[in-house]
Amino acid sequence: GGESSGSGRITSHLKYTYNRKLFSYVVDGTFAYGLSNYAKDRRVEKSEDRCEISMTASHNSNNSLTFTSIASLKTQFTKGYTYPNDSIPISDFFAPAYLTLSAGYNYNYKNIISFYISPFAGRMTFVMNQDLADAGAFGVEAGYWNIIYGDSTWVKGKNILSELGINILIKYKQTINEDISIFSTLNLYNNYMDPNKS
């Protein structure tokens, strides 16, 4: 009852750690791209598209609670579509891209679970594809016709949305044996400046 298909994915995870007496920082990168090919109607769909880079700087101490700063950038490599419609893109490289800068406290429990909270975190959303920006995609201000004394002028949509809010990051890692480990990340962000308070 299924459909013949083939898929492939390329994934790369890079990590660099630098330790000093008073502080340490970690640069982390996750890059993934995948495609699926469906034989019945000869279509190709994107199954995964990730480009994520983060840098974490922490004050070194013997305590489980440390002052930590995080900078992260998330985007994708190629255009995204609402399949089966593959003619109108709904996303693109740097459309959107999310840059988050935050400082707060991180609690680490036995290197299994860590809980990070930053009550004042800045986030910028970039929509560099002008068609998507004009449509107001991903929360940026949409383009509009400015009509003055009967003359109309097209005002382009904004490419950047700036926000200030709270950032929460929870990481879980459990090693079962040499060959199996579980890793999960939950990242929550709430914008204080959203005009729609609900």
N, C-alpha and C. Protein backbone atom coordinates (compact mmCIF):
# COMPACT_ATOMS: atom_id res chain seq x y z
N GLY A 1 0.81 -1.22 0.00
CA GLY A 1 0.00 0.00 0.00
C GLY A 1 0.83 1.25 0.00
N GLY A 2 2.16 1.11 -0.04
CA GLY A 2 3.02 2.27 0.01
C GLY A 2 3.38 2.81 -1.36
N GLU A 3 4.34 3.71 -1.40
CA GLU A 3 4.80 4.32 -2.63
C GLU A 3 6.31 4.17 -2.70
N SER A 4 6.80 3.67 -3.84
CA SER A 4 8.25 3.49 -3.98
C SER A 4 8.96 4.83 -3.90
N SER A 5 10.00 4.87 -3.11
CA SER A 5 10.73 6.13 -2.93
C SER A 5 12.16 5.84 -2.51
N GLY A 6 12.98 6.83 -2.69
CA GLY A 6 14.36 6.77 -2.23
C GLY A 6 14.72 8.09 -1.59
N SER A 7 15.60 8.05 -0.61
CA SER A 7 15.96 9.28 0.08
C SER A 7 17.43 9.26 0.47
N GLY A 8 17.96 10.44 0.63
CA GLY A 8 19.36 10.57 1.07
C GLY A 8 19.52 11.83 1.90
N ARG A 9 20.50 11.79 2.79
CA ARG A 9 20.71 12.94 3.67
C ARG A 9 22.19 13.08 3.99
N ILE A 10 22.65 14.30 4.04
CA ILE A 10 24.02 14.61 4.46
C ILE A 10 23.91 15.42 5.75
N THR A 11 24.60 14.97 6.79
CA THR A 11 24.56 15.65 8.08
C THR A 11 25.98 15.85 8.60
N SER A 12 26.23 17.03 9.14
CA SER A 12 27.53 17.32 9.74
C SER A 12 27.32 18.06 11.05
N HIS A 13 28.01 17.61 12.08
CA HIS A 13 27.94 18.29 13.38
C HIS A 13 29.37 18.60 13.82
N LEU A 14 29.65 19.88 13.99
CA LEU A 14 31.00 20.33 14.36
C LEU A 14 30.95 20.99 15.73
N LYS A 15 31.99 20.73 16.53
CA LYS A 15 32.04 21.31 17.86
C LYS A 15 33.48 21.65 18.22
N TYR A 16 33.66 22.88 18.73
CA TYR A 16 34.99 23.31 19.17
C TYR A 16 34.86 23.89 20.58
N THR A 17 35.69 23.41 21.50
CA THR A 17 35.66 23.85 22.88
C THR A 17 36.99 24.50 23.26
N TYR A 18 36.92 25.64 23.92
CA TYR A 18 38.11 26.36 24.34
C TYR A 18 37.97 26.70 25.82
N ASN A 19 38.92 26.25 26.63
CA ASN A 19 38.86 26.45 28.07
C ASN A 19 39.98 27.35 28.56
N ARG A 20 39.62 28.30 29.40
CA ARG A 20 40.57 29.15 30.11
C ARG A 20 40.27 29.04 31.61
N LYS A 21 41.08 29.71 32.39
CA LYS A 21 40.92 29.61 33.84
C LYS A 21 39.59 30.22 34.30
N LEU A 22 39.24 31.38 33.75
CA LEU A 22 38.04 32.08 34.21
C LEU A 22 36.81 31.80 33.37
N PHE A 23 37.00 31.43 32.11
CA PHE A 23 35.83 31.21 31.26
C PHE A 23 36.13 30.15 30.22
N SER A 24 35.07 29.67 29.59
CA SER A 24 35.20 28.73 28.48
C SER A 24 34.15 29.07 27.44
N TYR A 25 34.43 28.70 26.20
CA TYR A 25 33.39 28.88 25.20
C TYR A 25 33.37 27.69 24.25
N VAL A 26 32.17 27.47 23.69
CA VAL A 26 31.94 26.35 22.79
C VAL A 26 31.29 26.88 21.51
N VAL A 27 31.86 26.52 20.37
CA VAL A 27 31.26 26.84 19.08
C VAL A 27 30.68 25.55 18.51
N ASP A 28 29.40 25.60 18.18
CA ASP A 28 28.67 24.41 17.76
C ASP A 28 28.02 24.67 16.42
N GLY A 29 28.12 23.73 15.50
CA GLY A 29 27.49 23.87 14.20
C GLY A 29 26.79 22.59 13.77
N THR A 30 25.56 22.71 13.31
CA THR A 30 24.81 21.57 12.77
C THR A 30 24.35 21.92 11.37
N PHE A 31 24.71 21.07 10.42
CA PHE A 31 24.36 21.30 9.02
C PHE A 31 23.78 20.01 8.46
N ALA A 32 22.61 20.10 7.84
CA ALA A 32 21.96 18.90 7.31
C ALA A 32 21.15 19.26 6.08
N TYR A 33 21.17 18.34 5.10
CA TYR A 33 20.37 18.52 3.89
C TYR A 33 19.94 17.15 3.39
N GLY A 34 18.63 17.02 3.11
CA GLY A 34 18.11 15.73 2.66
C GLY A 34 17.07 15.88 1.58
N LEU A 35 17.01 14.90 0.68
CA LEU A 35 16.04 14.87 -0.41
C LEU A 35 15.36 13.50 -0.46
N SER A 36 14.10 13.50 -0.87
CA SER A 36 13.35 12.27 -1.09
C SER A 36 12.82 12.26 -2.51
N ASN A 37 12.95 11.11 -3.19
CA ASN A 37 12.50 10.96 -4.57
C ASN A 37 11.35 9.95 -4.59
N TYR A 38 10.20 10.37 -5.14
CA TYR A 38 9.02 9.51 -5.20
C TYR A 38 8.81 9.05 -6.64
N ALA A 39 8.80 7.73 -6.83
CA ALA A 39 8.81 7.17 -8.18
C ALA A 39 7.48 7.33 -8.91
N LYS A 40 6.37 7.30 -8.18
CA LYS A 40 5.05 7.28 -8.82
C LYS A 40 4.83 8.49 -9.72
N ASP A 41 5.06 9.69 -9.21
CA ASP A 41 4.87 10.89 -10.02
C ASP A 41 6.18 11.64 -10.26
N ARG A 42 7.30 10.95 -10.02
CA ARG A 42 8.63 11.47 -10.34
C ARG A 42 8.87 12.85 -9.71
N ARG A 43 8.52 12.98 -8.47
CA ARG A 43 8.75 14.25 -7.80
C ARG A 43 9.88 14.11 -6.78
N VAL A 44 10.54 15.20 -6.53
CA VAL A 44 11.62 15.27 -5.54
C VAL A 44 11.23 16.32 -4.50
N GLU A 45 11.30 15.93 -3.24
CA GLU A 45 10.96 16.84 -2.16
C GLU A 45 12.12 16.95 -1.18
N LYS A 46 12.25 18.13 -0.63
CA LYS A 46 13.26 18.36 0.40
C LYS A 46 12.76 17.78 1.71
N SER A 47 13.54 16.93 2.34
CA SER A 47 13.12 16.30 3.59
C SER A 47 13.77 16.94 4.83
N GLU A 48 14.91 17.58 4.63
CA GLU A 48 15.58 18.25 5.76
C GLU A 48 16.48 19.34 5.22
N ASP A 49 16.56 20.45 5.95
CA ASP A 49 17.38 21.58 5.52
C ASP A 49 17.71 22.42 6.75
N ARG A 50 18.91 22.24 7.29
CA ARG A 50 19.30 22.94 8.53
C ARG A 50 20.68 23.55 8.40
N CYS A 51 20.79 24.77 8.86
CA CYS A 51 22.08 25.45 8.97
C CYS A 51 22.04 26.22 10.29
N GLU A 52 22.68 25.68 11.31
CA GLU A 52 22.61 26.25 12.65
C GLU A 52 24.01 26.38 13.24
N ILE A 53 24.32 27.58 13.73
CA ILE A 53 25.62 27.85 14.36
C ILE A 53 25.35 28.56 15.68
N SER A 54 26.04 28.13 16.73
CA SER A 54 25.88 28.80 18.02
C SER A 54 27.22 28.90 18.73
N MET A 55 27.34 29.93 19.56
CA MET A 55 28.53 30.11 20.40
C MET A 55 28.06 30.36 21.82
N THR A 56 28.61 29.58 22.74
CA THR A 56 28.25 29.68 24.15
C THR A 56 29.48 30.01 24.97
N ALA A 57 29.41 31.09 25.74
CA ALA A 57 30.51 31.48 26.62
C ALA A 57 30.03 31.40 28.06
N SER A 58 30.80 30.72 28.92
CA SER A 58 30.39 30.52 30.31
C SER A 58 31.51 30.87 31.26
N HIS A 59 31.13 31.39 32.43
CA HIS A 59 32.09 31.65 33.49
C HIS A 59 32.43 30.33 34.16
N ASN A 60 33.71 30.03 34.27
CA ASN A 60 34.12 28.77 34.88
C ASN A 60 34.00 28.84 36.40
N SER A 61 33.30 27.88 36.95
CA SER A 61 33.18 27.77 38.41
C SER A 61 32.88 26.32 38.75
N ASN A 62 33.01 25.99 40.01
CA ASN A 62 32.73 24.64 40.47
C ASN A 62 31.25 24.42 40.74
N ASN A 63 30.45 25.48 40.60
CA ASN A 63 29.02 25.37 40.88
C ASN A 63 28.28 24.84 39.65
N SER A 64 27.10 24.29 39.89
CA SER A 64 26.24 23.83 38.79
C SER A 64 25.58 25.00 38.09
N LEU A 65 25.49 26.16 38.78
CA LEU A 65 24.86 27.36 38.23
C LEU A 65 25.95 28.31 37.74
N THR A 66 25.93 28.65 36.45
CA THR A 66 26.95 29.52 35.87
C THR A 66 26.32 30.62 35.04
N PHE A 67 27.01 31.77 35.00
CA PHE A 67 26.58 32.86 34.11
C PHE A 67 27.01 32.51 32.69
N THR A 68 26.07 32.58 31.76
CA THR A 68 26.31 32.11 30.39
C THR A 68 25.73 33.07 29.38
N SER A 69 26.48 33.26 28.28
CA SER A 69 26.00 34.06 27.15
C SER A 69 25.94 33.16 25.92
N ILE A 70 24.89 33.32 25.12
CA ILE A 70 24.70 32.50 23.94
C ILE A 70 24.37 33.38 22.74
N ALA A 71 25.04 33.10 21.63
CA ALA A 71 24.71 33.72 20.34
C ALA A 71 24.43 32.59 19.36
N SER A 72 23.29 32.64 18.69
CA SER A 72 22.94 31.56 17.76
C SER A 72 22.35 32.13 16.48
N LEU A 73 22.63 31.43 15.38
CA LEU A 73 22.10 31.80 14.07
C LEU A 73 21.51 30.55 13.43
N LYS A 74 20.25 30.64 12.99
CA LYS A 74 19.57 29.51 12.37
C LYS A 74 18.96 29.95 11.04
N THR A 75 19.22 29.18 9.99
CA THR A 75 18.60 29.42 8.69
C THR A 75 18.56 28.11 7.92
N GLN A 76 18.43 28.18 6.59
CA GLN A 76 18.38 27.00 5.74
C GLN A 76 19.19 27.27 4.48
N PHE A 77 19.44 26.22 3.69
CA PHE A 77 20.29 26.37 2.51
C PHE A 77 19.52 26.73 1.24
N THR A 78 18.37 26.12 1.02
CA THR A 78 17.66 26.29 -0.25
C THR A 78 16.19 26.64 -0.01
N LYS A 79 15.47 26.91 -1.09
CA LYS A 79 14.07 27.30 -1.01
C LYS A 79 13.21 26.16 -0.48
N GLY A 80 12.18 26.51 0.27
CA GLY A 80 11.23 25.54 0.78
C GLY A 80 9.87 25.76 0.14
N TYR A 81 9.10 24.67 0.03
CA TYR A 81 7.80 24.72 -0.63
C TYR A 81 6.77 23.99 0.20
N THR A 82 5.50 24.27 -0.08
CA THR A 82 4.40 23.50 0.48
C THR A 82 4.04 22.45 -0.55
N TYR A 83 4.65 21.27 -0.42
CA TYR A 83 4.45 20.23 -1.41
C TYR A 83 3.01 19.73 -1.39
N PRO A 84 2.42 19.39 -2.56
CA PRO A 84 3.08 19.17 -3.86
C PRO A 84 3.31 20.43 -4.69
N ASN A 85 2.90 21.61 -4.20
CA ASN A 85 3.14 22.85 -4.93
C ASN A 85 4.61 23.25 -4.80
N ASP A 86 5.39 23.08 -5.86
CA ASP A 86 6.81 23.41 -5.82
C ASP A 86 7.14 24.57 -6.75
N SER A 87 6.16 25.45 -6.98
CA SER A 87 6.39 26.61 -7.85
C SER A 87 6.48 27.92 -7.07
N ILE A 88 5.86 27.97 -5.90
CA ILE A 88 5.87 29.20 -5.10
C ILE A 88 6.63 28.93 -3.80
N PRO A 89 7.82 29.51 -3.63
CA PRO A 89 8.59 29.25 -2.40
C PRO A 89 7.96 29.92 -1.18
N ILE A 90 8.01 29.21 -0.05
CA ILE A 90 7.53 29.77 1.21
C ILE A 90 8.68 30.14 2.14
N SER A 91 9.91 29.76 1.76
CA SER A 91 11.10 30.11 2.53
C SER A 91 12.31 30.02 1.62
N ASP A 92 13.46 30.53 2.10
CA ASP A 92 14.66 30.57 1.28
C ASP A 92 15.87 30.73 2.20
N PHE A 93 17.07 30.76 1.62
CA PHE A 93 18.28 31.02 2.41
C PHE A 93 18.18 32.42 3.00
N PHE A 94 18.35 32.54 4.30
CA PHE A 94 18.20 33.79 5.06
C PHE A 94 16.80 34.37 4.90
N ALA A 95 15.82 33.51 4.69
CA ALA A 95 14.43 33.92 4.66
C ALA A 95 13.57 32.75 5.16
N PRO A 96 13.50 32.50 6.45
CA PRO A 96 14.03 33.39 7.46
C PRO A 96 15.42 32.96 7.96
N ALA A 97 16.05 33.88 8.68
CA ALA A 97 17.23 33.57 9.50
C ALA A 97 16.98 34.21 10.86
N TYR A 98 17.28 33.47 11.92
CA TYR A 98 17.05 33.96 13.27
C TYR A 98 18.39 34.13 14.00
N LEU A 99 18.69 35.35 14.41
CA LEU A 99 19.89 35.64 15.20
C LEU A 99 19.44 35.99 16.61
N THR A 100 19.88 35.18 17.57
CA THR A 100 19.48 35.39 18.97
C THR A 100 20.72 35.65 19.81
N LEU A 101 20.68 36.72 20.60
CA LEU A 101 21.76 37.09 21.52
C LEU A 101 21.17 37.16 22.91
N SER A 102 21.73 36.39 23.83
CA SER A 102 21.15 36.36 25.18
C SER A 102 22.22 36.13 26.23
N ALA A 103 21.92 36.58 27.43
CA ALA A 103 22.80 36.36 28.59
C ALA A 103 21.91 36.00 29.77
N GLY A 104 22.33 35.00 30.53
CA GLY A 104 21.53 34.57 31.66
C GLY A 104 22.28 33.53 32.47
N TYR A 105 21.53 32.65 33.10
CA TYR A 105 22.13 31.63 33.96
C TYR A 105 21.79 30.23 33.47
N ASN A 106 22.78 29.35 33.57
CA ASN A 106 22.62 27.97 33.13
C ASN A 106 22.83 27.04 34.33
N TYR A 107 21.88 26.13 34.51
CA TYR A 107 22.01 25.12 35.56
C TYR A 107 22.26 23.77 34.92
N ASN A 108 23.34 23.12 35.31
CA ASN A 108 23.74 21.83 34.74
C ASN A 108 23.66 20.76 35.82
N TYR A 109 22.86 19.73 35.54
CA TYR A 109 22.72 18.63 36.50
C TYR A 109 23.45 17.39 35.98
N LYS A 110 24.63 17.12 36.54
CA LYS A 110 25.42 15.92 36.27
C LYS A 110 25.67 15.68 34.77
N ASN A 111 25.78 16.77 34.02
CA ASN A 111 26.02 16.69 32.56
C ASN A 111 24.96 15.85 31.84
N ILE A 112 23.79 15.72 32.46
CA ILE A 112 22.68 15.00 31.83
C ILE A 112 21.66 15.98 31.27
N ILE A 113 21.27 16.93 32.11
CA ILE A 113 20.29 17.92 31.68
C ILE A 113 20.77 19.31 32.10
N SER A 114 20.58 20.27 31.21
CA SER A 114 20.92 21.64 31.53
C SER A 114 19.72 22.53 31.23
N PHE A 115 19.54 23.55 32.07
CA PHE A 115 18.41 24.47 31.94
C PHE A 115 18.97 25.89 31.92
N TYR A 116 18.73 26.58 30.81
CA TYR A 116 19.25 27.95 30.63
C TYR A 116 18.08 28.92 30.50
N ILE A 117 18.18 30.03 31.22
CA ILE A 117 17.14 31.06 31.12
C ILE A 117 17.78 32.43 31.01
N SER A 118 17.29 33.20 30.06
CA SER A 118 17.73 34.58 29.87
C SER A 118 16.49 35.46 29.83
N PRO A 119 16.25 36.27 30.86
CA PRO A 119 15.02 37.07 30.90
C PRO A 119 15.02 38.22 29.88
N PHE A 120 16.20 38.62 29.39
CA PHE A 120 16.28 39.68 28.39
C PHE A 120 17.16 39.20 27.24
N ALA A 121 16.52 38.73 26.20
CA ALA A 121 17.23 38.19 25.04
C ALA A 121 16.77 38.93 23.78
N GLY A 122 17.72 39.33 22.97
CA GLY A 122 17.38 40.00 21.72
C GLY A 122 17.37 39.00 20.57
N ARG A 123 16.38 39.16 19.69
CA ARG A 123 16.31 38.29 18.52
C ARG A 123 15.99 39.12 17.29
N MET A 124 16.71 38.83 16.21
CA MET A 124 16.45 39.49 14.94
C MET A 124 16.05 38.43 13.92
N THR A 125 14.97 38.70 13.21
CA THR A 125 14.50 37.82 12.14
C THR A 125 14.82 38.49 10.81
N PHE A 126 15.56 37.81 9.96
CA PHE A 126 15.92 38.33 8.65
C PHE A 126 15.09 37.63 7.58
N VAL A 127 14.51 38.39 6.68
CA VAL A 127 13.80 37.85 5.52
C VAL A 127 14.37 38.57 4.30
N MET A 128 15.43 37.99 3.72
CA MET A 128 16.16 38.67 2.65
C MET A 128 15.58 38.40 1.26
N ASN A 129 14.62 37.49 1.16
CA ASN A 129 13.89 37.29 -0.09
C ASN A 129 12.80 38.36 -0.13
N GLN A 130 12.89 39.30 -1.07
CA GLN A 130 12.01 40.46 -1.06
C GLN A 130 10.55 40.09 -1.32
N ASP A 131 10.30 39.05 -2.11
CA ASP A 131 8.91 38.62 -2.35
C ASP A 131 8.27 38.17 -1.04
N LEU A 132 9.01 37.43 -0.22
CA LEU A 132 8.49 36.98 1.07
C LEU A 132 8.36 38.15 2.04
N ALA A 133 9.33 39.08 2.00
CA ALA A 133 9.25 40.26 2.86
C ALA A 133 8.04 41.12 2.50
N ASP A 134 7.79 41.29 1.20
CA ASP A 134 6.63 42.07 0.77
C ASP A 134 5.32 41.45 1.22
N ALA A 135 5.31 40.12 1.34
CA ALA A 135 4.10 39.42 1.79
C ALA A 135 3.96 39.42 3.32
N GLY A 136 4.98 39.94 4.03
CA GLY A 136 4.93 39.98 5.50
C GLY A 136 5.21 38.64 6.14
N ALA A 137 5.99 37.78 5.46
CA ALA A 137 6.27 36.45 5.99
C ALA A 137 7.15 36.53 7.24
N PHE A 138 6.92 35.61 8.16
CA PHE A 138 7.72 35.44 9.38
C PHE A 138 7.68 36.66 10.29
N GLY A 139 6.61 37.45 10.18
CA GLY A 139 6.39 38.55 11.12
C GLY A 139 6.94 39.90 10.73
N VAL A 140 7.70 40.00 9.62
CA VAL A 140 8.20 41.32 9.21
C VAL A 140 7.06 42.17 8.67
N GLU A 141 7.28 43.48 8.63
CA GLU A 141 6.25 44.40 8.14
C GLU A 141 6.10 44.23 6.63
N ALA A 142 4.87 43.96 6.18
CA ALA A 142 4.61 43.68 4.77
C ALA A 142 4.68 44.96 3.93
N GLY A 143 4.88 44.78 2.62
CA GLY A 143 4.85 45.91 1.70
C GLY A 143 3.42 46.39 1.50
N TYR A 144 3.27 47.62 1.04
CA TYR A 144 1.92 48.18 0.86
C TYR A 144 1.97 49.31 -0.17
N TRP A 145 0.80 49.61 -0.71
CA TRP A 145 0.65 50.73 -1.63
C TRP A 145 0.36 51.98 -0.82
N ASN A 146 1.19 53.00 -0.96
CA ASN A 146 1.01 54.26 -0.26
C ASN A 146 0.32 55.23 -1.22
N ILE A 147 -0.94 55.54 -0.93
CA ILE A 147 -1.72 56.39 -1.83
C ILE A 147 -1.81 57.80 -1.25
N ILE A 148 -1.27 58.78 -2.00
CA ILE A 148 -1.29 60.18 -1.59
C ILE A 148 -1.81 61.01 -2.75
N TYR A 149 -2.91 61.70 -2.53
CA TYR A 149 -3.52 62.57 -3.55
C TYR A 149 -3.73 61.84 -4.87
N GLY A 150 -4.18 60.60 -4.78
CA GLY A 150 -4.49 59.83 -5.98
C GLY A 150 -3.31 59.11 -6.60
N ASP A 151 -2.09 59.44 -6.20
CA ASP A 151 -0.90 58.74 -6.71
C ASP A 151 -0.54 57.62 -5.74
N SER A 152 -0.16 56.47 -6.31
CA SER A 152 0.19 55.33 -5.47
C SER A 152 1.66 54.95 -5.68
N THR A 153 2.32 54.68 -4.57
CA THR A 153 3.72 54.28 -4.58
C THR A 153 3.86 52.99 -3.78
N TRP A 154 4.58 52.01 -4.34
CA TRP A 154 4.79 50.75 -3.62
C TRP A 154 5.91 50.91 -2.61
N VAL A 155 5.60 50.61 -1.35
CA VAL A 155 6.60 50.63 -0.27
C VAL A 155 6.98 49.19 0.02
N LYS A 156 8.26 48.88 -0.14
CA LYS A 156 8.73 47.50 0.05
C LYS A 156 8.57 47.05 1.50
N GLY A 157 8.39 45.75 1.65
CA GLY A 157 8.31 45.17 2.99
C GLY A 157 9.66 45.22 3.69
N LYS A 158 9.62 45.26 5.01
CA LYS A 158 10.85 45.30 5.80
C LYS A 158 11.54 43.94 5.75
N ASN A 159 12.87 43.96 5.80
CA ASN A 159 13.65 42.72 5.75
C ASN A 159 14.09 42.23 7.13
N ILE A 160 13.91 43.07 8.15
CA ILE A 160 14.39 42.72 9.49
C ILE A 160 13.32 43.02 10.52
N LEU A 161 13.14 42.10 11.46
CA LEU A 161 12.25 42.29 12.60
C LEU A 161 13.08 42.13 13.86
N SER A 162 13.08 43.15 14.72
CA SER A 162 13.83 43.10 15.98
C SER A 162 12.88 42.86 17.14
N GLU A 163 13.30 42.01 18.06
CA GLU A 163 12.45 41.65 19.20
C GLU A 163 13.30 41.60 20.48
N LEU A 164 12.62 41.79 21.59
CA LEU A 164 13.23 41.61 22.92
C LEU A 164 12.31 40.72 23.72
N GLY A 165 12.87 39.64 24.28
CA GLY A 165 12.01 38.71 25.00
C GLY A 165 12.79 37.82 25.94
N ILE A 166 12.17 36.72 26.31
CA ILE A 166 12.78 35.75 27.21
C ILE A 166 13.19 34.52 26.40
N ASN A 167 14.37 34.00 26.68
CA ASN A 167 14.89 32.83 25.98
C ASN A 167 15.13 31.70 26.99
N ILE A 168 14.57 30.53 26.70
CA ILE A 168 14.75 29.36 27.56
C ILE A 168 15.29 28.22 26.70
N LEU A 169 16.35 27.58 27.17
CA LEU A 169 16.98 26.49 26.43
C LEU A 169 17.19 25.31 27.39
N ILE A 170 16.60 24.17 27.02
CA ILE A 170 16.74 22.95 27.82
C ILE A 170 17.42 21.89 26.96
N LYS A 171 18.52 21.31 27.47
CA LYS A 171 19.24 20.27 26.75
C LYS A 171 19.30 19.00 27.61
N TYR A 172 19.10 17.88 26.93
CA TYR A 172 19.11 16.59 27.62
C TYR A 172 20.02 15.64 26.85
N LYS A 173 20.92 14.98 27.57
CA LYS A 173 21.79 13.99 26.93
C LYS A 173 22.00 12.84 27.89
N GLN A 174 21.73 11.63 27.41
CA GLN A 174 21.88 10.44 28.23
C GLN A 174 22.59 9.37 27.40
N THR A 175 23.71 8.88 27.91
CA THR A 175 24.44 7.81 27.24
C THR A 175 23.97 6.47 27.79
N ILE A 176 23.46 5.62 26.90
CA ILE A 176 22.95 4.33 27.31
C ILE A 176 24.08 3.30 27.34
N ASN A 177 24.86 3.26 26.25
CA ASN A 177 26.06 2.44 26.21
C ASN A 177 27.01 3.05 25.18
N GLU A 178 28.05 2.33 24.79
CA GLU A 178 29.04 2.89 23.87
C GLU A 178 28.43 3.31 22.54
N ASP A 179 27.42 2.60 22.11
CA ASP A 179 26.87 2.81 20.77
C ASP A 179 25.58 3.62 20.74
N ILE A 180 24.94 3.81 21.88
CA ILE A 180 23.63 4.47 21.89
C ILE A 180 23.61 5.61 22.89
N SER A 181 23.16 6.76 22.43
CA SER A 181 22.94 7.89 23.32
C SER A 181 21.71 8.66 22.83
N ILE A 182 21.07 9.35 23.75
CA ILE A 182 19.88 10.14 23.45
C ILE A 182 20.23 11.61 23.68
N PHE A 183 19.86 12.45 22.70
CA PHE A 183 20.13 13.88 22.82
C PHE A 183 18.91 14.65 22.34
N SER A 184 18.45 15.59 23.14
CA SER A 184 17.28 16.38 22.77
C SER A 184 17.47 17.81 23.24
N THR A 185 16.93 18.75 22.44
CA THR A 185 17.02 20.17 22.76
C THR A 185 15.65 20.82 22.61
N LEU A 186 15.27 21.64 23.59
CA LEU A 186 14.05 22.42 23.51
C LEU A 186 14.41 23.88 23.70
N ASN A 187 14.07 24.72 22.69
CA ASN A 187 14.37 26.15 22.74
C ASN A 187 13.06 26.93 22.64
N LEU A 188 12.77 27.74 23.66
CA LEU A 188 11.56 28.54 23.70
C LEU A 188 11.93 30.02 23.74
N TYR A 189 11.18 30.82 22.97
CA TYR A 189 11.41 32.27 22.96
C TYR A 189 10.06 32.97 22.96
N ASN A 190 9.90 33.95 23.83
CA ASN A 190 8.66 34.73 23.87
C ASN A 190 9.00 36.21 23.76
N ASN A 191 8.32 36.88 22.83
CA ASN A 191 8.60 38.28 22.53
C ASN A 191 7.79 39.21 23.43
N TYR A 192 8.49 40.04 24.24
CA TYR A 192 7.81 41.01 25.08
C TYR A 192 7.14 42.10 24.24
N MET A 193 7.68 42.38 23.05
CA MET A 193 7.26 43.53 22.25
C MET A 193 6.14 43.19 21.26
N ASP A 194 5.63 41.97 21.28
CA ASP A 194 4.59 41.57 20.34
C ASP A 194 3.32 42.39 20.63
N PRO A 195 2.79 43.11 19.62
CA PRO A 195 1.58 43.90 19.86
C PRO A 195 0.36 43.03 20.17
N ASN A 196 0.37 41.78 19.71
CA ASN A 196 -0.70 40.85 20.01
C ASN A 196 -0.34 40.11 21.29
N LYS A 197 -0.80 40.61 22.42
CA LYS A 197 -0.39 40.07 23.71
C LYS A 197 -0.92 38.67 23.95
N SER A 198 -1.96 38.25 23.25
CA SER A 198 -2.52 36.91 23.45
C SER A 198 -1.65 35.86 22.75
